[in-house]
N, C-alpha and C. Protein backbone atom coordinates (compact mmCIF):
# COMPACT_ATOMS: atom_id res chain seq x y z
N MET A 1 16.51 -166.68 4.26
CA MET A 1 17.10 -165.44 4.76
C MET A 1 15.99 -164.43 5.04
N TYR A 2 16.12 -163.74 6.13
CA TYR A 2 15.14 -162.74 6.52
C TYR A 2 15.28 -161.48 5.68
N SER A 3 14.17 -160.74 5.53
CA SER A 3 14.23 -159.45 4.85
C SER A 3 14.82 -158.41 5.80
N VAL A 4 15.23 -157.28 5.26
CA VAL A 4 15.78 -156.20 6.09
C VAL A 4 14.73 -155.74 7.11
N GLU A 5 13.48 -155.61 6.69
CA GLU A 5 12.44 -155.18 7.63
C GLU A 5 12.22 -156.20 8.74
N GLN A 6 12.28 -157.49 8.41
CA GLN A 6 12.15 -158.53 9.44
C GLN A 6 13.33 -158.46 10.42
N ILE A 7 14.53 -158.22 9.89
CA ILE A 7 15.71 -158.12 10.75
C ILE A 7 15.60 -156.91 11.67
N LYS A 8 15.10 -155.80 11.15
CA LYS A 8 14.91 -154.61 12.00
C LYS A 8 13.94 -154.91 13.15
N LYS A 9 12.87 -155.61 12.85
CA LYS A 9 11.90 -155.96 13.90
C LYS A 9 12.54 -156.90 14.93
N LEU A 10 13.33 -157.84 14.44
CA LEU A 10 14.02 -158.76 15.33
C LEU A 10 14.99 -158.00 16.23
N LEU A 11 15.76 -157.09 15.65
CA LEU A 11 16.71 -156.29 16.43
C LEU A 11 15.98 -155.46 17.49
N GLU A 12 14.87 -154.88 17.09
CA GLU A 12 14.11 -154.05 18.02
C GLU A 12 13.64 -154.85 19.22
N SER A 13 13.33 -156.13 19.00
CA SER A 13 12.87 -156.99 20.09
C SER A 13 14.03 -157.53 20.94
N ARG A 14 15.23 -157.60 20.38
CA ARG A 14 16.38 -158.19 21.07
C ARG A 14 17.28 -157.18 21.77
N LEU A 15 17.24 -155.92 21.32
CA LEU A 15 18.20 -154.93 21.80
C LEU A 15 17.53 -153.84 22.62
N THR A 16 18.32 -153.16 23.44
CA THR A 16 17.83 -151.97 24.12
C THR A 16 17.58 -150.88 23.07
N ASP A 17 16.85 -149.85 23.44
CA ASP A 17 16.56 -148.77 22.49
C ASP A 17 17.86 -148.12 21.99
N ASP A 18 18.79 -147.86 22.90
CA ASP A 18 20.06 -147.23 22.51
C ASP A 18 20.86 -148.12 21.57
N ARG A 19 20.87 -149.42 21.85
CA ARG A 19 21.64 -150.34 21.01
C ARG A 19 20.98 -150.50 19.64
N TYR A 20 19.67 -150.47 19.61
CA TYR A 20 18.95 -150.55 18.34
C TYR A 20 19.26 -149.31 17.49
N THR A 21 19.22 -148.14 18.11
CA THR A 21 19.57 -146.90 17.40
C THR A 21 21.00 -146.97 16.88
N HIS A 22 21.91 -147.45 17.73
CA HIS A 22 23.30 -147.61 17.31
C HIS A 22 23.40 -148.52 16.09
N SER A 23 22.67 -149.62 16.08
CA SER A 23 22.73 -150.57 14.96
C SER A 23 22.24 -149.91 13.66
N LEU A 24 21.18 -149.13 13.75
CA LEU A 24 20.69 -148.41 12.57
C LEU A 24 21.74 -147.40 12.10
N ASN A 25 22.37 -146.71 13.04
CA ASN A 25 23.39 -145.71 12.69
C ASN A 25 24.62 -146.35 12.06
N VAL A 26 25.02 -147.51 12.58
CA VAL A 26 26.17 -148.23 12.00
C VAL A 26 25.84 -148.67 10.58
N ALA A 27 24.62 -149.15 10.37
CA ALA A 27 24.20 -149.55 9.02
C ALA A 27 24.26 -148.37 8.06
N ASP A 28 23.79 -147.21 8.51
CA ASP A 28 23.83 -146.01 7.66
C ASP A 28 25.28 -145.58 7.37
N LYS A 29 26.13 -145.60 8.39
CA LYS A 29 27.54 -145.23 8.20
C LYS A 29 28.23 -146.24 7.28
N ALA A 30 27.88 -147.50 7.41
CA ALA A 30 28.47 -148.54 6.56
C ALA A 30 28.11 -148.29 5.09
N VAL A 31 26.89 -147.89 4.83
CA VAL A 31 26.47 -147.57 3.45
C VAL A 31 27.27 -146.39 2.92
N GLU A 32 27.45 -145.38 3.76
CA GLU A 32 28.24 -144.20 3.37
C GLU A 32 29.67 -144.60 2.97
N LEU A 33 30.31 -145.43 3.80
CA LEU A 33 31.67 -145.88 3.50
C LEU A 33 31.69 -146.81 2.30
N ALA A 34 30.67 -147.65 2.17
CA ALA A 34 30.59 -148.57 1.03
C ALA A 34 30.51 -147.80 -0.28
N ARG A 35 29.72 -146.74 -0.30
CA ARG A 35 29.62 -145.93 -1.52
C ARG A 35 30.96 -145.30 -1.86
N LYS A 36 31.66 -144.82 -0.86
CA LYS A 36 32.94 -144.16 -1.09
C LYS A 36 34.00 -145.13 -1.60
N TYR A 37 34.01 -146.36 -1.06
CA TYR A 37 35.10 -147.29 -1.34
C TYR A 37 34.73 -148.45 -2.27
N GLY A 38 33.50 -148.46 -2.79
CA GLY A 38 33.15 -149.43 -3.82
C GLY A 38 32.70 -150.79 -3.32
N GLU A 39 32.10 -150.84 -2.13
CA GLU A 39 31.55 -152.10 -1.60
C GLU A 39 30.05 -152.14 -1.90
N ASP A 40 29.48 -153.31 -1.92
CA ASP A 40 28.05 -153.51 -2.12
C ASP A 40 27.29 -152.86 -0.95
N THR A 41 26.45 -151.88 -1.25
CA THR A 41 25.77 -151.13 -0.19
C THR A 41 24.73 -151.97 0.55
N ASP A 42 24.08 -152.90 -0.15
CA ASP A 42 23.11 -153.77 0.51
C ASP A 42 23.79 -154.67 1.54
N LYS A 43 24.93 -155.24 1.16
CA LYS A 43 25.69 -156.08 2.10
C LYS A 43 26.17 -155.25 3.29
N ALA A 44 26.65 -154.06 3.00
CA ALA A 44 27.15 -153.19 4.07
C ALA A 44 26.03 -152.84 5.05
N TYR A 45 24.85 -152.53 4.52
CA TYR A 45 23.72 -152.17 5.38
C TYR A 45 23.33 -153.36 6.26
N LEU A 46 23.23 -154.54 5.65
CA LEU A 46 22.84 -155.73 6.39
C LEU A 46 23.87 -156.07 7.48
N ALA A 47 25.15 -156.03 7.13
CA ALA A 47 26.19 -156.33 8.12
C ALA A 47 26.17 -155.31 9.26
N GLY A 48 25.93 -154.04 8.91
CA GLY A 48 25.84 -153.01 9.94
C GLY A 48 24.67 -153.25 10.88
N LEU A 49 23.53 -153.62 10.32
CA LEU A 49 22.38 -153.95 11.17
C LEU A 49 22.68 -155.10 12.12
N LEU A 50 23.34 -156.13 11.59
CA LEU A 50 23.52 -157.38 12.34
C LEU A 50 24.69 -157.37 13.33
N HIS A 51 25.58 -156.41 13.23
CA HIS A 51 26.86 -156.54 13.95
C HIS A 51 26.70 -156.72 15.47
N ASP A 52 25.68 -156.11 16.07
CA ASP A 52 25.49 -156.21 17.52
C ASP A 52 24.25 -157.02 17.91
N ILE A 53 23.83 -157.92 17.05
CA ILE A 53 22.57 -158.63 17.28
C ILE A 53 22.53 -159.39 18.60
N CYS A 54 23.68 -159.79 19.12
CA CYS A 54 23.73 -160.53 20.39
C CYS A 54 24.21 -159.67 21.56
N LYS A 55 24.32 -158.38 21.36
CA LYS A 55 24.91 -157.50 22.38
C LYS A 55 24.19 -157.58 23.72
N ASN A 56 22.88 -157.72 23.72
CA ASN A 56 22.12 -157.70 24.97
C ASN A 56 21.71 -159.09 25.47
N GLU A 57 22.34 -160.12 24.91
CA GLU A 57 22.08 -161.50 25.35
C GLU A 57 22.72 -161.71 26.72
N ASP A 58 22.19 -162.65 27.51
CA ASP A 58 22.77 -162.91 28.82
C ASP A 58 24.14 -163.58 28.67
N LYS A 59 24.97 -163.42 29.70
CA LYS A 59 26.38 -163.84 29.64
C LYS A 59 26.55 -165.33 29.35
N GLN A 60 25.75 -166.16 29.99
CA GLN A 60 25.90 -167.60 29.80
C GLN A 60 25.55 -168.02 28.38
N THR A 61 24.49 -167.48 27.83
CA THR A 61 24.10 -167.80 26.45
C THR A 61 25.17 -167.33 25.48
N LEU A 62 25.70 -166.13 25.72
CA LEU A 62 26.77 -165.61 24.87
C LEU A 62 27.99 -166.53 24.89
N LEU A 63 28.37 -166.97 26.07
CA LEU A 63 29.54 -167.85 26.18
C LEU A 63 29.30 -169.17 25.45
N GLU A 64 28.11 -169.72 25.58
CA GLU A 64 27.79 -170.98 24.90
C GLU A 64 27.84 -170.82 23.38
N MET A 65 27.27 -169.73 22.86
CA MET A 65 27.31 -169.48 21.42
C MET A 65 28.74 -169.24 20.94
N THR A 66 29.50 -168.51 21.77
CA THR A 66 30.90 -168.22 21.42
C THR A 66 31.68 -169.52 21.26
N LYS A 67 31.47 -170.46 22.18
CA LYS A 67 32.20 -171.73 22.13
C LYS A 67 31.76 -172.60 20.96
N LYS A 68 30.51 -172.41 20.48
CA LYS A 68 30.01 -173.22 19.36
C LYS A 68 30.39 -172.63 17.99
N CYS A 69 30.77 -171.38 17.97
CA CYS A 69 31.02 -170.70 16.69
C CYS A 69 32.20 -171.32 15.95
N ARG A 70 32.04 -171.52 14.65
CA ARG A 70 33.14 -172.09 13.87
C ARG A 70 34.28 -171.10 13.65
N PHE A 71 34.01 -169.80 13.86
CA PHE A 71 35.08 -168.80 13.86
C PHE A 71 35.65 -168.79 15.28
N THR A 72 36.62 -169.60 15.51
CA THR A 72 37.12 -169.87 16.87
C THR A 72 37.53 -168.58 17.59
N ALA A 73 37.11 -168.49 18.84
CA ALA A 73 37.51 -167.37 19.69
C ALA A 73 38.86 -167.67 20.32
N GLU A 74 39.72 -166.66 20.35
CA GLU A 74 41.01 -166.81 21.04
C GLU A 74 40.76 -166.85 22.54
N ASN A 75 41.74 -167.34 23.27
CA ASN A 75 41.61 -167.43 24.72
C ASN A 75 41.30 -166.08 25.35
N SER A 76 41.97 -165.02 24.86
CA SER A 76 41.74 -163.69 25.43
C SER A 76 40.30 -163.23 25.19
N GLU A 77 39.70 -163.67 24.08
CA GLU A 77 38.30 -163.30 23.80
C GLU A 77 37.33 -164.06 24.71
N VAL A 78 37.68 -165.31 25.03
CA VAL A 78 36.83 -166.11 25.92
C VAL A 78 36.88 -165.54 27.33
N ILE A 79 38.05 -165.04 27.73
CA ILE A 79 38.24 -164.51 29.08
C ILE A 79 37.47 -163.20 29.28
N VAL A 80 37.35 -162.39 28.23
CA VAL A 80 36.75 -161.06 28.35
C VAL A 80 35.29 -161.11 27.87
N PRO A 81 34.32 -161.09 28.78
CA PRO A 81 32.90 -161.21 28.38
C PRO A 81 32.43 -160.15 27.38
N ALA A 82 33.02 -158.95 27.42
CA ALA A 82 32.60 -157.87 26.51
C ALA A 82 32.87 -158.21 25.05
N LEU A 83 33.72 -159.21 24.81
CA LEU A 83 34.06 -159.58 23.44
C LEU A 83 33.20 -160.73 22.91
N HIS A 84 32.43 -161.36 23.77
CA HIS A 84 31.65 -162.54 23.37
C HIS A 84 30.60 -162.23 22.30
N HIS A 85 30.00 -161.03 22.37
CA HIS A 85 28.85 -160.76 21.50
C HIS A 85 29.18 -160.80 20.02
N ALA A 86 30.43 -160.52 19.66
CA ALA A 86 30.81 -160.53 18.24
C ALA A 86 30.89 -161.95 17.71
N VAL A 87 31.56 -162.81 18.45
CA VAL A 87 31.68 -164.21 18.04
C VAL A 87 30.31 -164.89 18.09
N ALA A 88 29.59 -164.65 19.17
CA ALA A 88 28.24 -165.21 19.31
C ALA A 88 27.33 -164.68 18.20
N GLY A 89 27.50 -163.41 17.84
CA GLY A 89 26.70 -162.82 16.78
C GLY A 89 26.90 -163.52 15.45
N ALA A 90 28.15 -163.87 15.14
CA ALA A 90 28.43 -164.59 13.90
C ALA A 90 27.75 -165.96 13.92
N TRP A 91 27.82 -166.64 15.07
CA TRP A 91 27.15 -167.94 15.20
C TRP A 91 25.64 -167.78 15.01
N TYR A 92 25.06 -166.80 15.67
CA TYR A 92 23.62 -166.57 15.61
C TYR A 92 23.17 -166.26 14.18
N CYS A 93 23.91 -165.38 13.51
CA CYS A 93 23.56 -165.01 12.13
C CYS A 93 23.57 -166.22 11.21
N GLU A 94 24.56 -167.07 11.38
CA GLU A 94 24.68 -168.25 10.52
C GLU A 94 23.65 -169.31 10.88
N ASN A 95 23.50 -169.60 12.16
CA ASN A 95 22.70 -170.75 12.58
C ASN A 95 21.23 -170.45 12.88
N GLU A 96 20.93 -169.23 13.25
CA GLU A 96 19.54 -168.87 13.55
C GLU A 96 18.88 -168.06 12.44
N LEU A 97 19.67 -167.26 11.74
CA LEU A 97 19.11 -166.41 10.69
C LEU A 97 19.38 -166.93 9.28
N GLY A 98 20.27 -167.91 9.17
CA GLY A 98 20.55 -168.48 7.86
C GLY A 98 21.42 -167.63 6.96
N VAL A 99 22.22 -166.73 7.54
CA VAL A 99 23.14 -165.93 6.74
C VAL A 99 24.25 -166.85 6.22
N THR A 100 24.46 -166.83 4.92
CA THR A 100 25.49 -167.70 4.31
C THR A 100 26.66 -166.91 3.74
N ASP A 101 26.54 -165.61 3.65
CA ASP A 101 27.61 -164.78 3.09
C ASP A 101 28.79 -164.72 4.07
N GLU A 102 29.90 -165.33 3.69
CA GLU A 102 31.07 -165.40 4.58
C GLU A 102 31.59 -164.02 4.96
N ASP A 103 31.52 -163.09 4.04
CA ASP A 103 32.03 -161.75 4.29
C ASP A 103 31.20 -161.06 5.38
N ILE A 104 29.89 -161.21 5.33
CA ILE A 104 29.03 -160.64 6.37
C ILE A 104 29.30 -161.31 7.71
N LEU A 105 29.42 -162.64 7.69
CA LEU A 105 29.68 -163.36 8.94
C LEU A 105 31.01 -162.94 9.56
N ARG A 106 32.04 -162.78 8.73
CA ARG A 106 33.34 -162.33 9.25
C ARG A 106 33.28 -160.88 9.73
N ALA A 107 32.50 -160.05 9.05
CA ALA A 107 32.36 -158.65 9.48
C ALA A 107 31.74 -158.58 10.87
N VAL A 108 30.73 -159.42 11.14
CA VAL A 108 30.13 -159.48 12.47
C VAL A 108 31.14 -160.04 13.47
N ARG A 109 31.80 -161.12 13.09
CA ARG A 109 32.76 -161.80 13.97
C ARG A 109 33.91 -160.89 14.43
N TYR A 110 34.45 -160.09 13.52
CA TYR A 110 35.66 -159.32 13.83
C TYR A 110 35.41 -157.84 14.10
N HIS A 111 34.16 -157.44 14.31
CA HIS A 111 33.91 -156.00 14.45
C HIS A 111 34.40 -155.43 15.78
N THR A 112 34.76 -156.26 16.73
CA THR A 112 35.30 -155.73 18.00
C THR A 112 36.82 -155.84 18.09
N VAL A 113 37.39 -156.90 17.55
CA VAL A 113 38.84 -157.13 17.74
C VAL A 113 39.67 -156.93 16.47
N ALA A 114 39.02 -156.88 15.32
CA ALA A 114 39.72 -156.76 14.02
C ALA A 114 40.59 -157.98 13.77
N ARG A 115 41.28 -157.97 12.64
CA ARG A 115 42.25 -159.01 12.30
C ARG A 115 43.12 -158.48 11.17
N ALA A 116 44.21 -159.15 10.90
CA ALA A 116 45.06 -158.77 9.77
C ALA A 116 44.32 -159.10 8.47
N GLU A 117 44.58 -158.33 7.44
CA GLU A 117 44.05 -158.57 6.09
C GLU A 117 42.52 -158.68 6.07
N MET A 118 41.87 -157.74 6.71
CA MET A 118 40.41 -157.72 6.68
C MET A 118 39.93 -157.39 5.27
N SER A 119 38.76 -157.92 4.93
CA SER A 119 38.14 -157.58 3.65
C SER A 119 37.65 -156.13 3.71
N LEU A 120 37.28 -155.62 2.56
CA LEU A 120 36.72 -154.26 2.50
C LEU A 120 35.50 -154.14 3.41
N LEU A 121 34.60 -155.11 3.35
CA LEU A 121 33.40 -155.07 4.18
C LEU A 121 33.75 -155.13 5.67
N GLU A 122 34.68 -155.98 6.03
CA GLU A 122 35.08 -156.09 7.44
C GLU A 122 35.61 -154.76 7.96
N MET A 123 36.47 -154.10 7.18
CA MET A 123 36.99 -152.80 7.60
C MET A 123 35.86 -151.79 7.73
N ILE A 124 34.95 -151.80 6.78
CA ILE A 124 33.83 -150.85 6.80
C ILE A 124 33.00 -151.01 8.06
N ILE A 125 32.68 -152.24 8.44
CA ILE A 125 31.86 -152.45 9.64
C ILE A 125 32.63 -152.10 10.90
N TYR A 126 33.89 -152.47 10.97
CA TYR A 126 34.72 -152.12 12.13
C TYR A 126 34.74 -150.61 12.33
N LEU A 127 34.95 -149.87 11.24
CA LEU A 127 35.08 -148.42 11.33
C LEU A 127 33.72 -147.73 11.47
N ALA A 128 32.68 -148.28 10.85
CA ALA A 128 31.34 -147.71 11.01
C ALA A 128 30.89 -147.83 12.46
N ASP A 129 31.26 -148.91 13.12
CA ASP A 129 30.93 -149.10 14.53
C ASP A 129 31.57 -148.02 15.39
N LEU A 130 32.78 -147.62 15.04
CA LEU A 130 33.50 -146.60 15.81
C LEU A 130 33.08 -145.18 15.50
N THR A 131 32.47 -144.97 14.33
CA THR A 131 32.22 -143.59 13.88
C THR A 131 30.75 -143.31 13.58
N SER A 132 29.85 -144.17 14.03
CA SER A 132 28.42 -143.96 13.76
C SER A 132 27.94 -142.66 14.41
N ALA A 133 26.79 -142.20 13.96
CA ALA A 133 26.32 -140.84 14.27
C ALA A 133 26.25 -140.52 15.76
N GLU A 134 25.92 -141.51 16.60
CA GLU A 134 25.75 -141.21 18.02
C GLU A 134 27.05 -141.25 18.81
N ARG A 135 28.13 -141.71 18.20
CA ARG A 135 29.41 -141.79 18.91
C ARG A 135 29.90 -140.38 19.24
N ASP A 136 30.40 -140.20 20.48
CA ASP A 136 30.82 -138.85 20.88
C ASP A 136 32.08 -138.85 21.75
N TYR A 137 32.93 -139.87 21.60
CA TYR A 137 34.19 -139.88 22.34
C TYR A 137 35.10 -138.75 21.82
N PRO A 138 36.10 -138.34 22.60
CA PRO A 138 36.89 -137.15 22.26
C PRO A 138 37.50 -137.12 20.85
N ASP A 139 37.94 -138.24 20.32
CA ASP A 139 38.65 -138.24 19.04
C ASP A 139 37.77 -138.66 17.86
N VAL A 140 36.46 -138.71 18.05
CA VAL A 140 35.59 -139.29 17.02
C VAL A 140 35.61 -138.48 15.71
N GLU A 141 35.69 -137.16 15.80
CA GLU A 141 35.69 -136.36 14.57
C GLU A 141 36.94 -136.63 13.75
N ASN A 142 38.06 -136.81 14.43
CA ASN A 142 39.29 -137.16 13.70
C ASN A 142 39.16 -138.53 13.06
N MET A 143 38.57 -139.48 13.78
CA MET A 143 38.39 -140.82 13.20
C MET A 143 37.50 -140.75 11.96
N ARG A 144 36.44 -139.95 12.02
CA ARG A 144 35.56 -139.81 10.85
C ARG A 144 36.32 -139.20 9.68
N ARG A 145 37.17 -138.23 9.97
CA ARG A 145 37.94 -137.58 8.92
C ARG A 145 38.91 -138.56 8.26
N VAL A 146 39.59 -139.35 9.08
CA VAL A 146 40.56 -140.31 8.54
C VAL A 146 39.86 -141.39 7.73
N CYS A 147 38.64 -141.77 8.12
CA CYS A 147 37.87 -142.74 7.34
C CYS A 147 37.63 -142.24 5.92
N GLY A 148 37.59 -140.94 5.74
CA GLY A 148 37.39 -140.37 4.42
C GLY A 148 38.66 -140.30 3.59
N ILE A 149 39.81 -140.58 4.20
CA ILE A 149 41.10 -140.52 3.50
C ILE A 149 41.52 -141.91 3.02
N SER A 150 41.48 -142.88 3.93
CA SER A 150 41.92 -144.25 3.61
C SER A 150 41.41 -145.19 4.69
N LEU A 151 40.80 -146.30 4.28
CA LEU A 151 40.32 -147.26 5.26
C LEU A 151 41.47 -147.90 6.03
N GLU A 152 42.56 -148.18 5.32
CA GLU A 152 43.71 -148.81 5.99
C GLU A 152 44.34 -147.87 7.01
N LEU A 153 44.46 -146.60 6.65
CA LEU A 153 44.98 -145.61 7.58
C LEU A 153 44.03 -145.47 8.77
N ALA A 154 42.74 -145.48 8.50
CA ALA A 154 41.74 -145.41 9.56
C ALA A 154 41.81 -146.64 10.47
N MET A 155 42.05 -147.82 9.89
CA MET A 155 42.20 -149.03 10.70
C MET A 155 43.38 -148.89 11.66
N LEU A 156 44.49 -148.36 11.16
CA LEU A 156 45.67 -148.18 12.00
C LEU A 156 45.35 -147.21 13.14
N GLU A 157 44.72 -146.09 12.83
CA GLU A 157 44.36 -145.12 13.86
C GLU A 157 43.38 -145.72 14.87
N ALA A 158 42.40 -146.45 14.37
CA ALA A 158 41.40 -147.06 15.24
C ALA A 158 42.03 -148.10 16.17
N LEU A 159 42.93 -148.90 15.63
CA LEU A 159 43.59 -149.92 16.45
C LEU A 159 44.51 -149.29 17.49
N ARG A 160 45.19 -148.22 17.13
CA ARG A 160 46.01 -147.50 18.12
C ARG A 160 45.13 -147.01 19.26
N PHE A 161 44.02 -146.40 18.89
CA PHE A 161 43.07 -145.86 19.87
C PHE A 161 42.53 -146.97 20.77
N THR A 162 42.10 -148.06 20.15
CA THR A 162 41.48 -149.16 20.90
C THR A 162 42.49 -149.87 21.80
N LEU A 163 43.66 -150.18 21.25
CA LEU A 163 44.67 -150.90 22.05
C LEU A 163 45.16 -150.04 23.22
N ARG A 164 45.26 -148.74 22.99
CA ARG A 164 45.66 -147.83 24.07
C ARG A 164 44.61 -147.84 25.18
N ASN A 165 43.33 -147.76 24.80
CA ASN A 165 42.25 -147.76 25.79
C ASN A 165 42.18 -149.07 26.57
N VAL A 166 42.31 -150.18 25.84
CA VAL A 166 42.26 -151.49 26.50
C VAL A 166 43.43 -151.63 27.47
N SER A 167 44.61 -151.20 27.04
CA SER A 167 45.81 -151.27 27.88
C SER A 167 45.63 -150.42 29.14
N GLU A 168 45.08 -149.22 28.97
CA GLU A 168 44.87 -148.33 30.13
C GLU A 168 43.87 -148.93 31.12
N ARG A 169 42.93 -149.72 30.62
CA ARG A 169 41.97 -150.39 31.50
C ARG A 169 42.55 -151.66 32.13
N LYS A 170 43.79 -151.98 31.75
CA LYS A 170 44.49 -153.16 32.26
C LYS A 170 43.75 -154.45 31.92
N SER A 171 43.16 -154.47 30.72
CA SER A 171 42.46 -155.67 30.26
C SER A 171 43.35 -156.43 29.29
N TYR A 172 42.88 -157.60 28.88
CA TYR A 172 43.62 -158.43 27.94
C TYR A 172 43.61 -157.80 26.55
N LEU A 173 44.76 -157.86 25.89
CA LEU A 173 44.87 -157.40 24.50
C LEU A 173 44.74 -158.62 23.59
N PRO A 174 43.66 -158.73 22.83
CA PRO A 174 43.50 -159.90 21.96
C PRO A 174 44.63 -159.99 20.94
N GLU A 175 45.13 -161.21 20.76
CA GLU A 175 46.24 -161.42 19.82
C GLU A 175 45.86 -160.98 18.41
N THR A 176 44.61 -161.22 18.03
CA THR A 176 44.19 -160.84 16.69
C THR A 176 44.24 -159.33 16.49
N SER A 177 43.99 -158.56 17.56
CA SER A 177 44.07 -157.10 17.47
C SER A 177 45.52 -156.64 17.31
N LEU A 178 46.42 -157.29 18.03
CA LEU A 178 47.84 -156.95 17.89
C LEU A 178 48.35 -157.29 16.49
N LYS A 179 47.93 -158.43 15.96
CA LYS A 179 48.32 -158.80 14.60
C LYS A 179 47.74 -157.82 13.59
N ALA A 180 46.51 -157.38 13.83
CA ALA A 180 45.88 -156.40 12.94
C ALA A 180 46.66 -155.09 12.98
N TYR A 181 47.04 -154.65 14.18
CA TYR A 181 47.82 -153.41 14.29
C TYR A 181 49.12 -153.51 13.50
N ASN A 182 49.85 -154.60 13.68
CA ASN A 182 51.12 -154.77 12.96
C ASN A 182 50.89 -154.84 11.46
N TYR A 183 49.82 -155.49 11.04
CA TYR A 183 49.53 -155.60 9.61
C TYR A 183 49.24 -154.22 9.02
N TYR A 184 48.37 -153.44 9.66
CA TYR A 184 48.02 -152.14 9.09
C TYR A 184 49.14 -151.12 9.22
N LEU A 185 49.96 -151.25 10.25
CA LEU A 185 51.16 -150.41 10.34
C LEU A 185 52.08 -150.70 9.15
N GLY A 186 52.29 -151.99 8.87
CA GLY A 186 53.11 -152.39 7.73
C GLY A 186 52.51 -151.92 6.42
N PHE A 187 51.19 -152.06 6.29
CA PHE A 187 50.51 -151.64 5.05
C PHE A 187 50.71 -150.15 4.81
N VAL A 188 50.53 -149.35 5.85
CA VAL A 188 50.66 -147.89 5.72
C VAL A 188 52.09 -147.53 5.33
N LYS A 189 53.08 -148.16 5.98
CA LYS A 189 54.49 -147.85 5.68
C LYS A 189 54.87 -148.32 4.27
N GLU A 190 54.47 -149.53 3.92
CA GLU A 190 54.84 -150.09 2.61
C GLU A 190 54.20 -149.34 1.45
N ASN A 191 53.03 -148.75 1.69
CA ASN A 191 52.32 -148.04 0.63
C ASN A 191 52.53 -146.53 0.68
N GLY A 192 53.45 -146.10 1.54
CA GLY A 192 53.82 -144.69 1.59
C GLY A 192 52.70 -143.75 2.00
N LEU A 193 51.74 -144.27 2.80
CA LEU A 193 50.65 -143.41 3.26
C LEU A 193 51.16 -142.54 4.40
N SER A 194 50.86 -141.28 4.37
CA SER A 194 51.32 -140.35 5.39
C SER A 194 50.53 -140.55 6.66
N GLU A 195 51.24 -140.72 7.77
CA GLU A 195 50.57 -140.82 9.06
C GLU A 195 50.38 -139.44 9.68
N GLU A 196 50.87 -138.41 9.01
CA GLU A 196 50.67 -137.03 9.47
C GLU A 196 49.32 -136.55 8.99
N ILE A 197 48.30 -136.91 9.70
CA ILE A 197 46.94 -136.60 9.26
C ILE A 197 46.24 -135.73 10.29
């Protein structure tokens, strides 16, 4: 397994400057959320660093890695090239970097589409990606605020935001994202969490 410093150097060589900065910011945000919610901060930092490791790979290589990944991509993910980097990233981390921690691999794999019953680390990386320091979309401050209230509530808000945007772009809605939305909606209702936030 590579050291954190070796991984940073690798990322710097593989990613654009903006994407490298984003990866560092996601790692920092992941540590912040990990401290708040009781996750291992070293794992959170590493998963945050690695989440976009294949983001700037060429389309054909991404598709090949996606098809080889043992975390099978749904048809909608194969159709949409923008989703390949997450699945390919999980394959790359496992097969090229020797990452064996299943939780880190799943956090990389599902950081774009989510899934039902995500682990604490998976939720942290998904949400850190949406709320890292350089993010400046219109609702980002609200998303950051909700992340401080409840990860599950934040997942529901994030999935609403993401599915609405994808739908407005007339793109495919991944089945795993829809299942995640239904799961977190059910979780929020069953646990009496207020959606009036």
